[in-house]
Amino acid sequence: GIGKVLATTILLETGPIDRFKAAGNFASYARCVDSAHTSNGKKKGAG
């Protein structure tokens, strides 16, 4: 699924990969994780 254009975009937008502590941090930076505010097990809105 990643060709020349997408590989270029991902590489340039990522920069040094060492600036991300873990895969979860990188996925969050790429907006690939859920965003929610919860309290007492109930959703109170989006982050």
All heavy atoms as atom14 arrays in JSON, in Angstrom:
{
  "sequence": "GIGKVLATTILLETGPIDRFKAAGNFASYARCVDSAHTSNGKKKGAG",
  "atom14_mask": [
    [1, 1, 1, 1, 0, 0, 0, 0, 0, 0, 0, 0, 0, 0],
    [1, 1, 1, 1, 1, 1, 1, 1, 0, 0, 0, 0, 0, 0],
    [1, 1, 1, 1, 0, 0, 0, 0, 0, 0, 0, 0, 0, 0],
    [1, 1, 1, 1, 1, 1, 1, 1, 1, 0, 0, 0, 0, 0],
    [1, 1, 1, 1, 1, 1, 1, 0, 0, 0, 0, 0, 0, 0],
    [1, 1, 1, 1, 1, 1, 1, 1, 0, 0, 0, 0, 0, 0],
    [1, 1, 1, 1, 1, 0, 0, 0, 0, 0, 0, 0, 0, 0],
    [1, 1, 1, 1, 1, 1, 1, 0, 0, 0, 0, 0, 0, 0],
    [1, 1, 1, 1, 1, 1, 1, 0, 0, 0, 0, 0, 0, 0],
    [1, 1, 1, 1, 1, 1, 1, 1, 0, 0, 0, 0, 0, 0],
    [1, 1, 1, 1, 1, 1, 1, 1, 0, 0, 0, 0, 0, 0],
    [1, 1, 1, 1, 1, 1, 1, 1, 0, 0, 0, 0, 0, 0],
    [1, 1, 1, 1, 1, 1, 1, 1, 1, 0, 0, 0, 0, 0],
    [1, 1, 1, 1, 1, 1, 1, 0, 0, 0, 0, 0, 0, 0],
    [1, 1, 1, 1, 0, 0, 0, 0, 0, 0, 0, 0, 0, 0],
    [1, 1, 1, 1, 1, 1, 1, 0, 0, 0, 0, 0, 0, 0],
    [1, 1, 1, 1, 1, 1, 1, 1, 0, 0, 0, 0, 0, 0],
    [1, 1, 1, 1, 1, 1, 1, 1, 0, 0, 0, 0, 0, 0],
    [1, 1, 1, 1, 1, 1, 1, 1, 1, 1, 1, 0, 0, 0],
    [1, 1, 1, 1, 1, 1, 1, 1, 1, 1, 1, 0, 0, 0],
    [1, 1, 1, 1, 1, 1, 1, 1, 1, 0, 0, 0, 0, 0],
    [1, 1, 1, 1, 1, 0, 0, 0, 0, 0, 0, 0, 0, 0],
    [1, 1, 1, 1, 1, 0, 0, 0, 0, 0, 0, 0, 0, 0],
    [1, 1, 1, 1, 0, 0, 0, 0, 0, 0, 0, 0, 0, 0],
    [1, 1, 1, 1, 1, 1, 1, 1, 0, 0, 0, 0, 0, 0],
    [1, 1, 1, 1, 1, 1, 1, 1, 1, 1, 1, 0, 0, 0],
    [1, 1, 1, 1, 1, 0, 0, 0, 0, 0, 0, 0, 0, 0],
    [1, 1, 1, 1, 1, 1, 0, 0, 0, 0, 0, 0, 0, 0],
    [1, 1, 1, 1, 1, 1, 1, 1, 1, 1, 1, 1, 0, 0],
    [1, 1, 1, 1, 1, 0, 0, 0, 0, 0, 0, 0, 0, 0],
    [1, 1, 1, 1, 1, 1, 1, 1, 1, 1, 1, 0, 0, 0],
    [1, 1, 1, 1, 1, 1, 0, 0, 0, 0, 0, 0, 0, 0],
    [1, 1, 1, 1, 1, 1, 1, 0, 0, 0, 0, 0, 0, 0],
    [1, 1, 1, 1, 1, 1, 1, 1, 0, 0, 0, 0, 0, 0],
    [1, 1, 1, 1, 1, 1, 0, 0, 0, 0, 0, 0, 0, 0],
    [1, 1, 1, 1, 1, 0, 0, 0, 0, 0, 0, 0, 0, 0],
    [1, 1, 1, 1, 1, 1, 1, 1, 1, 1, 0, 0, 0, 0],
    [1, 1, 1, 1, 1, 1, 1, 0, 0, 0, 0, 0, 0, 0],
    [1, 1, 1, 1, 1, 1, 0, 0, 0, 0, 0, 0, 0, 0],
    [1, 1, 1, 1, 1, 1, 1, 1, 0, 0, 0, 0, 0, 0],
    [1, 1, 1, 1, 0, 0, 0, 0, 0, 0, 0, 0, 0, 0],
    [1, 1, 1, 1, 1, 1, 1, 1, 1, 0, 0, 0, 0, 0],
    [1, 1, 1, 1, 1, 1, 1, 1, 1, 0, 0, 0, 0, 0],
    [1, 1, 1, 1, 1, 1, 1, 1, 1, 0, 0, 0, 0, 0],
    [1, 1, 1, 1, 0, 0, 0, 0, 0, 0, 0, 0, 0, 0],
    [1, 1, 1, 1, 1, 0, 0, 0, 0, 0, 0, 0, 0, 0],
    [1, 1, 1, 1, 0, 0, 0, 0, 0, 0, 0, 0, 0, 0]
  ],
  "atom14_positions": [
    [[0.79, -1.22, 0.0], [0.0, 0.0, 0.0], [0.82, 1.27, 0.0], [0.29, 2.36, -0.2], [0.0, 0.0, 0.0], [0.0, 0.0, 0.0], [0.0, 0.0, 0.0], [0.0, 0.0, 0.0], [0.0, 0.0, 0.0], [0.0, 0.0, 0.0], [0.0, 0.0, 0.0], [0.0, 0.0, 0.0], [0.0, 0.0, 0.0], [0.0, 0.0, 0.0]],
    [[2.13, 1.16, 0.25], [2.99, 2.34, 0.29], [3.89, 2.35, -0.95], [4.75, 1.5, -1.11], [3.84, 2.37, 1.57], [2.95, 2.47, 2.8], [4.83, 3.53, 1.54], [3.7, 2.55, 4.12], [0.0, 0.0, 0.0], [0.0, 0.0, 0.0], [0.0, 0.0, 0.0], [0.0, 0.0, 0.0], [0.0, 0.0, 0.0], [0.0, 0.0, 0.0]],
    [[3.64, 3.33, -1.81], [4.45, 3.5, -3.0], [5.42, 4.66, -2.84], [5.74, 5.07, -1.72], [0.0, 0.0, 0.0], [0.0, 0.0, 0.0], [0.0, 0.0, 0.0], [0.0, 0.0, 0.0], [0.0, 0.0, 0.0], [0.0, 0.0, 0.0], [0.0, 0.0, 0.0], [0.0, 0.0, 0.0], [0.0, 0.0, 0.0], [0.0, 0.0, 0.0]],
    [[5.84, 5.21, -3.95], [6.86, 6.25, -3.92], [6.39, 7.52, -3.21], [7.09, 8.09, -2.38], [7.3, 6.59, -5.35], [7.98, 5.43, -6.08], [8.34, 5.82, -7.5], [9.01, 4.66, -8.24], [9.34, 5.02, -9.64], [0.0, 0.0, 0.0], [0.0, 0.0, 0.0], [0.0, 0.0, 0.0], [0.0, 0.0, 0.0], [0.0, 0.0, 0.0]],
    [[5.18, 7.96, -3.54], [4.67, 9.22, -2.97], [4.42, 9.08, -1.48], [4.83, 9.92, -0.68], [3.37, 9.64, -3.69], [2.73, 10.82, -2.98], [3.68, 10.01, -5.14], [0.0, 0.0, 0.0], [0.0, 0.0, 0.0], [0.0, 0.0, 0.0], [0.0, 0.0, 0.0], [0.0, 0.0, 0.0], [0.0, 0.0, 0.0], [0.0, 0.0, 0.0]],
    [[3.76, 8.0, -1.07], [3.46, 7.81, 0.35], [4.73, 7.57, 1.16], [4.85, 8.06, 2.29], [2.49, 6.65, 0.53], [1.08, 6.85, -0.04], [0.2, 5.64, 0.26], [0.45, 8.11, 0.52], [0.0, 0.0, 0.0], [0.0, 0.0, 0.0], [0.0, 0.0, 0.0], [0.0, 0.0, 0.0], [0.0, 0.0, 0.0], [0.0, 0.0, 0.0]],
    [[5.69, 6.83, 0.6], [6.95, 6.6, 1.31], [7.69, 7.93, 1.52], [8.26, 8.17, 2.6], [7.82, 5.63, 0.53], [0.0, 0.0, 0.0], [0.0, 0.0, 0.0], [0.0, 0.0, 0.0], [0.0, 0.0, 0.0], [0.0, 0.0, 0.0], [0.0, 0.0, 0.0], [0.0, 0.0, 0.0], [0.0, 0.0, 0.0], [0.0, 0.0, 0.0]],
    [[7.66, 8.78, 0.5], [8.3, 10.09, 0.63], [7.64, 10.92, 1.71], [8.31, 11.54, 2.55], [8.22, 10.84, -0.72], [8.9, 10.07, -1.73], [8.85, 12.21, -0.62], [0.0, 0.0, 0.0], [0.0, 0.0, 0.0], [0.0, 0.0, 0.0], [0.0, 0.0, 0.0], [0.0, 0.0, 0.0], [0.0, 0.0, 0.0], [0.0, 0.0, 0.0]],
    [[6.3, 10.94, 1.71], [5.57, 11.71, 2.7], [5.83, 11.21, 4.11], [6.12, 11.99, 5.03], [4.06, 11.65, 2.4], [3.81, 12.17, 1.09], [3.27, 12.44, 3.43], [0.0, 0.0, 0.0], [0.0, 0.0, 0.0], [0.0, 0.0, 0.0], [0.0, 0.0, 0.0], [0.0, 0.0, 0.0], [0.0, 0.0, 0.0], [0.0, 0.0, 0.0]],
    [[5.76, 9.89, 4.3], [5.96, 9.32, 5.63], [7.36, 9.59, 6.14], [7.56, 9.97, 7.3], [5.67, 7.8, 5.61], [4.18, 7.56, 5.34], [6.09, 7.14, 6.92], [3.83, 6.11, 5.07], [0.0, 0.0, 0.0], [0.0, 0.0, 0.0], [0.0, 0.0, 0.0], [0.0, 0.0, 0.0], [0.0, 0.0, 0.0], [0.0, 0.0, 0.0]],
    [[8.35, 9.41, 5.29], [9.74, 9.59, 5.7], [10.02, 11.04, 6.07], [10.64, 11.33, 7.11], [10.67, 9.13, 4.58], [12.17, 9.07, 4.91], [12.41, 8.11, 6.06], [12.96, 8.63, 3.69], [0.0, 0.0, 0.0], [0.0, 0.0, 0.0], [0.0, 0.0, 0.0], [0.0, 0.0, 0.0], [0.0, 0.0, 0.0], [0.0, 0.0, 0.0]],
    [[9.56, 11.97, 5.26], [9.85, 13.38, 5.5], [9.06, 13.94, 6.67], [9.55, 14.79, 7.42], [9.58, 14.2, 4.23], [10.51, 13.91, 3.06], [10.08, 14.7, 1.83], [11.96, 14.25, 3.41], [0.0, 0.0, 0.0], [0.0, 0.0, 0.0], [0.0, 0.0, 0.0], [0.0, 0.0, 0.0], [0.0, 0.0, 0.0], [0.0, 0.0, 0.0]],
    [[7.81, 13.51, 6.83], [6.99, 14.01, 7.92], [7.39, 13.38, 9.26], [7.19, 13.99, 10.32], [5.51, 13.75, 7.65], [4.94, 14.5, 6.46], [4.95, 16.01, 6.65], [4.99, 16.46, 7.8], [4.93, 16.73, 5.63], [0.0, 0.0, 0.0], [0.0, 0.0, 0.0], [0.0, 0.0, 0.0], [0.0, 0.0, 0.0], [0.0, 0.0, 0.0]],
    [[7.95, 12.19, 9.23], [8.37, 11.52, 10.46], [9.63, 12.16, 11.03], [9.74, 12.39, 12.23], [8.61, 10.03, 10.21], [7.39, 9.42, 9.78], [9.1, 9.33, 11.47], [0.0, 0.0, 0.0], [0.0, 0.0, 0.0], [0.0, 0.0, 0.0], [0.0, 0.0, 0.0], [0.0, 0.0, 0.0], [0.0, 0.0, 0.0], [0.0, 0.0, 0.0]],
    [[10.6, 12.45, 10.16], [11.86, 12.97, 10.65], [12.64, 11.88, 11.37], [12.42, 10.68, 11.12], [0.0, 0.0, 0.0], [0.0, 0.0, 0.0], [0.0, 0.0, 0.0], [0.0, 0.0, 0.0], [0.0, 0.0, 0.0], [0.0, 0.0, 0.0], [0.0, 0.0, 0.0], [0.0, 0.0, 0.0], [0.0, 0.0, 0.0], [0.0, 0.0, 0.0]],
    [[13.53, 12.22, 12.3], [14.28, 11.19, 13.04], [13.33, 10.32, 13.86], [12.59, 10.83, 14.7], [15.21, 12.02, 13.94], [15.27, 13.36, 13.3], [13.95, 13.59, 12.66], [0.0, 0.0, 0.0], [0.0, 0.0, 0.0], [0.0, 0.0, 0.0], [0.0, 0.0, 0.0], [0.0, 0.0, 0.0], [0.0, 0.0, 0.0], [0.0, 0.0, 0.0]],
    [[13.34, 9.04, 13.62], [12.41, 8.14, 14.31], [12.72, 8.07, 15.8], [11.83, 7.74, 16.61], [12.47, 6.72, 13.68], [11.27, 5.87, 14.12], [13.78, 6.05, 13.99], [9.93, 6.4, 13.7], [0.0, 0.0, 0.0], [0.0, 0.0, 0.0], [0.0, 0.0, 0.0], [0.0, 0.0, 0.0], [0.0, 0.0, 0.0], [0.0, 0.0, 0.0]],
    [[13.92, 8.39, 16.21], [14.3, 8.33, 17.62], [13.57, 9.35, 18.48], [13.59, 9.25, 19.71], [15.81, 8.54, 17.77], [16.61, 7.38, 17.21], [16.04, 6.28, 17.14], [17.78, 7.57, 16.84], [0.0, 0.0, 0.0], [0.0, 0.0, 0.0], [0.0, 0.0, 0.0], [0.0, 0.0, 0.0], [0.0, 0.0, 0.0], [0.0, 0.0, 0.0]],
    [[12.91, 10.32, 17.87], [12.18, 11.3, 18.68], [10.88, 10.73, 19.23], [10.23, 11.37, 20.05], [11.91, 12.56, 17.87], [10.94, 12.45, 16.71], [11.0, 13.7, 15.86], [10.1, 13.7, 14.73], [9.01, 14.47, 14.63], [8.71, 15.29, 15.63], [8.25, 14.44, 13.57], [0.0, 0.0, 0.0], [0.0, 0.0, 0.0], [0.0, 0.0, 0.0]],
    [[10.51, 9.51, 18.8], [9.34, 8.84, 19.33], [9.78, 7.7, 20.24], [10.55, 6.84, 19.83], [8.48, 8.29, 18.19], [8.0, 9.34, 17.22], [8.64, 9.53, 16.0], [6.93, 10.16, 17.55], [8.21, 10.51, 15.13], [6.49, 11.14, 16.68], [7.13, 11.32, 15.46], [0.0, 0.0, 0.0], [0.0, 0.0, 0.0], [0.0, 0.0, 0.0]],
    [[9.28, 7.7, 21.48], [9.71, 6.72, 22.47], [9.22, 5.31, 22.15], [9.9, 4.33, 22.45], [9.22, 7.13, 23.85], [9.86, 8.41, 24.38], [9.35, 8.73, 25.78], [9.99, 10.0, 26.32], [9.49, 10.34, 27.67], [0.0, 0.0, 0.0], [0.0, 0.0, 0.0], [0.0, 0.0, 0.0], [0.0, 0.0, 0.0], [0.0, 0.0, 0.0]],
    [[8.03, 5.21, 21.57], [7.45, 3.89, 21.31], [6.54, 3.97, 20.1], [6.22, 5.06, 19.61], [6.67, 3.39, 22.53], [0.0, 0.0, 0.0], [0.0, 0.0, 0.0], [0.0, 0.0, 0.0], [0.0, 0.0, 0.0], [0.0, 0.0, 0.0], [0.0, 0.0, 0.0], [0.0, 0.0, 0.0], [0.0, 0.0, 0.0], [0.0, 0.0, 0.0]],
    [[6.1, 2.8, 19.63], [5.23, 2.74, 18.46], [3.92, 3.47, 18.71], [3.35, 4.1, 17.8], [4.96, 1.29, 18.08], [0.0, 0.0, 0.0], [0.0, 0.0, 0.0], [0.0, 0.0, 0.0], [0.0, 0.0, 0.0], [0.0, 0.0, 0.0], [0.0, 0.0, 0.0], [0.0, 0.0, 0.0], [0.0, 0.0, 0.0], [0.0, 0.0, 0.0]],
    [[3.43, 3.39, 19.95], [2.19, 4.08, 20.28], [2.3, 5.59, 20.15], [1.35, 6.25, 19.72], [0.0, 0.0, 0.0], [0.0, 0.0, 0.0], [0.0, 0.0, 0.0], [0.0, 0.0, 0.0], [0.0, 0.0, 0.0], [0.0, 0.0, 0.0], [0.0, 0.0, 0.0], [0.0, 0.0, 0.0], [0.0, 0.0, 0.0], [0.0, 0.0, 0.0]],
    [[3.44, 6.15, 20.51], [3.65, 7.58, 20.36], [3.63, 7.99, 18.89], [3.06, 9.02, 18.53], [4.98, 8.0, 20.99], [5.04, 7.7, 22.48], [5.66, 6.72, 22.89], [4.39, 8.52, 23.28], [0.0, 0.0, 0.0], [0.0, 0.0, 0.0], [0.0, 0.0, 0.0], [0.0, 0.0, 0.0], [0.0, 0.0, 0.0], [0.0, 0.0, 0.0]],
    [[4.26, 7.16, 18.06], [4.29, 7.46, 16.63], [2.89, 7.34, 16.03], [2.47, 8.19, 15.23], [5.25, 6.51, 15.92], [5.3, 6.72, 14.42], [5.82, 7.88, 13.89], [4.83, 5.74, 13.56], [5.86, 8.08, 12.51], [4.86, 5.92, 12.19], [5.38, 7.09, 11.67], [0.0, 0.0, 0.0], [0.0, 0.0, 0.0], [0.0, 0.0, 0.0]],
    [[2.15, 6.29, 16.41], [0.79, 6.12, 15.91], [-0.11, 7.27, 16.34], [-0.98, 7.72, 15.58], [0.21, 4.79, 16.39], [0.0, 0.0, 0.0], [0.0, 0.0, 0.0], [0.0, 0.0, 0.0], [0.0, 0.0, 0.0], [0.0, 0.0, 0.0], [0.0, 0.0, 0.0], [0.0, 0.0, 0.0], [0.0, 0.0, 0.0], [0.0, 0.0, 0.0]],
    [[0.09, 7.77, 17.55], [-0.68, 8.91, 18.02], [-0.33, 10.16, 17.22], [-1.22, 10.94, 16.86], [-0.41, 9.14, 19.51], [-1.09, 10.28, 19.98], [0.0, 0.0, 0.0], [0.0, 0.0, 0.0], [0.0, 0.0, 0.0], [0.0, 0.0, 0.0], [0.0, 0.0, 0.0], [0.0, 0.0, 0.0], [0.0, 0.0, 0.0], [0.0, 0.0, 0.0]],
    [[0.95, 10.36, 16.94], [1.39, 11.5, 16.15], [0.78, 11.45, 14.75], [0.49, 12.49, 14.15], [2.91, 11.52, 16.08], [3.5, 12.68, 15.32], [3.36, 13.99, 15.79], [4.22, 12.48, 14.14], [3.9, 15.06, 15.09], [4.77, 13.55, 13.44], [4.61, 14.83, 13.92], [5.14, 15.9, 13.23], [0.0, 0.0, 0.0], [0.0, 0.0, 0.0]],
    [[0.6, 10.24, 14.23], [-0.01, 10.06, 12.91], [-1.53, 10.06, 12.96], [-2.18, 9.77, 11.96], [0.49, 8.75, 12.28], [0.0, 0.0, 0.0], [0.0, 0.0, 0.0], [0.0, 0.0, 0.0], [0.0, 0.0, 0.0], [0.0, 0.0, 0.0], [0.0, 0.0, 0.0], [0.0, 0.0, 0.0], [0.0, 0.0, 0.0], [0.0, 0.0, 0.0]],
    [[-2.1, 10.39, 14.11], [-3.55, 10.46, 14.31], [-4.24, 9.14, 13.99], [-5.32, 9.1, 13.41], [-4.16, 11.57, 13.44], [-3.66, 12.97, 13.75], [-4.4, 14.01, 12.93], [-3.87, 15.35, 13.15], [-4.33, 16.45, 12.53], [-5.33, 16.34, 11.68], [-3.81, 17.63, 12.78], [0.0, 0.0, 0.0], [0.0, 0.0, 0.0], [0.0, 0.0, 0.0]],
    [[-3.59, 8.05, 14.38], [-4.15, 6.73, 14.12], [-4.72, 6.07, 15.37], [-4.98, 4.87, 15.37], [-3.08, 5.81, 13.51], [-2.61, 6.27, 11.83], [0.0, 0.0, 0.0], [0.0, 0.0, 0.0], [0.0, 0.0, 0.0], [0.0, 0.0, 0.0], [0.0, 0.0, 0.0], [0.0, 0.0, 0.0], [0.0, 0.0, 0.0], [0.0, 0.0, 0.0]],
    [[-4.85, 6.83, 16.45], [-5.41, 6.27, 17.68], [-6.68, 7.03, 18.05], [-6.89, 8.17, 17.61], [-4.4, 6.35, 18.85], [-3.16, 5.56, 18.52], [-4.03, 7.8, 19.16], [0.0, 0.0, 0.0], [0.0, 0.0, 0.0], [0.0, 0.0, 0.0], [0.0, 0.0, 0.0], [0.0, 0.0, 0.0], [0.0, 0.0, 0.0], [0.0, 0.0, 0.0]],
    [[-7.51, 6.41, 18.86], [-8.77, 7.0, 19.27], [-8.51, 8.18, 20.2], [-7.53, 8.21, 20.95], [-9.63, 5.95, 19.97], [-11.03, 6.47, 20.27], [-11.47, 7.37, 19.52], [-11.67, 5.99, 21.21], [0.0, 0.0, 0.0], [0.0, 0.0, 0.0], [0.0, 0.0, 0.0], [0.0, 0.0, 0.0], [0.0, 0.0, 0.0], [0.0, 0.0, 0.0]],
    [[-9.39, 9.16, 20.15], [-9.28, 10.34, 21.01], [-10.56, 10.46, 21.81], [-11.64, 10.66, 21.25], [-9.06, 11.6, 20.17], [-9.0, 12.74, 20.99], [0.0, 0.0, 0.0], [0.0, 0.0, 0.0], [0.0, 0.0, 0.0], [0.0, 0.0, 0.0], [0.0, 0.0, 0.0], [0.0, 0.0, 0.0], [0.0, 0.0, 0.0], [0.0, 0.0, 0.0]],
    [[-10.47, 10.3, 23.14], [-11.66, 10.33, 23.97], [-11.32, 10.74, 25.39], [-10.21, 10.52, 25.86], [-12.34, 8.96, 23.98], [0.0, 0.0, 0.0], [0.0, 0.0, 0.0], [0.0, 0.0, 0.0], [0.0, 0.0, 0.0], [0.0, 0.0, 0.0], [0.0, 0.0, 0.0], [0.0, 0.0, 0.0], [0.0, 0.0, 0.0], [0.0, 0.0, 0.0]],
    [[-12.29, 11.35, 26.06], [-12.2, 11.67, 27.48], [-13.21, 10.81, 28.22], [-14.4, 10.82, 27.88], [-12.49, 13.15, 27.72], [-11.42, 14.07, 27.22], [-11.59, 15.43, 27.1], [-10.14, 13.82, 26.83], [-10.48, 15.99, 26.65], [-9.58, 15.02, 26.47], [0.0, 0.0, 0.0], [0.0, 0.0, 0.0], [0.0, 0.0, 0.0], [0.0, 0.0, 0.0]],
    [[-12.76, 10.08, 29.23], [-13.65, 9.2, 29.96], [-13.58, 9.49, 31.46], [-12.57, 10.0, 31.96], [-13.3, 7.72, 29.73], [-11.96, 7.47, 30.19], [-13.41, 7.36, 28.25], [0.0, 0.0, 0.0], [0.0, 0.0, 0.0], [0.0, 0.0, 0.0], [0.0, 0.0, 0.0], [0.0, 0.0, 0.0], [0.0, 0.0, 0.0], [0.0, 0.0, 0.0]],
    [[-14.66, 9.15, 32.16], [-14.71, 9.28, 33.61], [-15.67, 8.22, 34.14], [-16.79, 8.09, 33.65], [-15.2, 10.68, 34.01], [-15.29, 10.79, 35.41], [0.0, 0.0, 0.0], [0.0, 0.0, 0.0], [0.0, 0.0, 0.0], [0.0, 0.0, 0.0], [0.0, 0.0, 0.0], [0.0, 0.0, 0.0], [0.0, 0.0, 0.0], [0.0, 0.0, 0.0]],
    [[-15.18, 7.43, 35.11], [-15.99, 6.36, 35.69], [-16.49, 5.39, 34.64], [-17.61, 4.9, 34.68], [-17.17, 6.95, 36.47], [-17.83, 5.93, 37.38], [-17.16, 4.99, 37.85], [-19.12, 6.09, 37.64], [0.0, 0.0, 0.0], [0.0, 0.0, 0.0], [0.0, 0.0, 0.0], [0.0, 0.0, 0.0], [0.0, 0.0, 0.0], [0.0, 0.0, 0.0]],
    [[-15.62, 5.14, 33.65], [-15.96, 4.18, 32.62], [-16.9, 4.7, 31.56], [-17.34, 3.94, 30.68], [0.0, 0.0, 0.0], [0.0, 0.0, 0.0], [0.0, 0.0, 0.0], [0.0, 0.0, 0.0], [0.0, 0.0, 0.0], [0.0, 0.0, 0.0], [0.0, 0.0, 0.0], [0.0, 0.0, 0.0], [0.0, 0.0, 0.0], [0.0, 0.0, 0.0]],
    [[-17.23, 6.0, 31.6], [-18.16, 6.57, 30.63], [-17.46, 7.63, 29.8], [-16.62, 8.38, 30.3], [-19.36, 7.19, 31.34], [-20.19, 6.19, 32.13], [-21.34, 6.88, 32.84], [-22.17, 5.88, 33.65], [-23.29, 6.55, 34.35], [0.0, 0.0, 0.0], [0.0, 0.0, 0.0], [0.0, 0.0, 0.0], [0.0, 0.0, 0.0], [0.0, 0.0, 0.0]],
    [[-17.83, 7.72, 28.53], [-17.23, 8.7, 27.63], [-17.8, 10.07, 27.92], [-19.01, 10.26, 27.98], [-17.48, 8.33, 26.17], [-16.76, 9.24, 25.18], [-16.91, 8.75, 23.76], [-16.16, 9.65, 22.79], [-16.27, 9.17, 21.39], [0.0, 0.0, 0.0], [0.0, 0.0, 0.0], [0.0, 0.0, 0.0], [0.0, 0.0, 0.0], [0.0, 0.0, 0.0]],
    [[-16.9, 11.05, 28.13], [-17.3, 12.4, 28.45], [-16.99, 13.39, 27.33], [-17.07, 14.59, 27.54], [-16.6, 12.87, 29.74], [-16.95, 12.04, 30.97], [-18.42, 12.14, 31.32], [-18.74, 11.37, 32.58], [-20.19, 11.46, 32.93], [0.0, 0.0, 0.0], [0.0, 0.0, 0.0], [0.0, 0.0, 0.0], [0.0, 0.0, 0.0], [0.0, 0.0, 0.0]],
    [[-16.64, 12.87, 26.19], [-16.31, 13.75, 25.06], [-15.06, 13.3, 24.36], [-14.42, 12.31, 24.75], [0.0, 0.0, 0.0], [0.0, 0.0, 0.0], [0.0, 0.0, 0.0], [0.0, 0.0, 0.0], [0.0, 0.0, 0.0], [0.0, 0.0, 0.0], [0.0, 0.0, 0.0], [0.0, 0.0, 0.0], [0.0, 0.0, 0.0], [0.0, 0.0, 0.0]],
    [[-14.71, 14.02, 23.31], [-13.52, 13.68, 22.53], [-12.35, 14.55, 22.94], [-12.53, 15.66, 23.43], [-13.8, 13.84, 21.04], [0.0, 0.0, 0.0], [0.0, 0.0, 0.0], [0.0, 0.0, 0.0], [0.0, 0.0, 0.0], [0.0, 0.0, 0.0], [0.0, 0.0, 0.0], [0.0, 0.0, 0.0], [0.0, 0.0, 0.0], [0.0, 0.0, 0.0]],
    [[-11.16, 14.04, 22.72], [-9.97, 14.81, 23.01], [-9.59, 15.68, 21.83], [-10.41, 15.96, 20.95], [0.0, 0.0, 0.0], [0.0, 0.0, 0.0], [0.0, 0.0, 0.0], [0.0, 0.0, 0.0], [0.0, 0.0, 0.0], [0.0, 0.0, 0.0], [0.0, 0.0, 0.0], [0.0, 0.0, 0.0], [0.0, 0.0, 0.0], [0.0, 0.0, 0.0]]
  ]
}
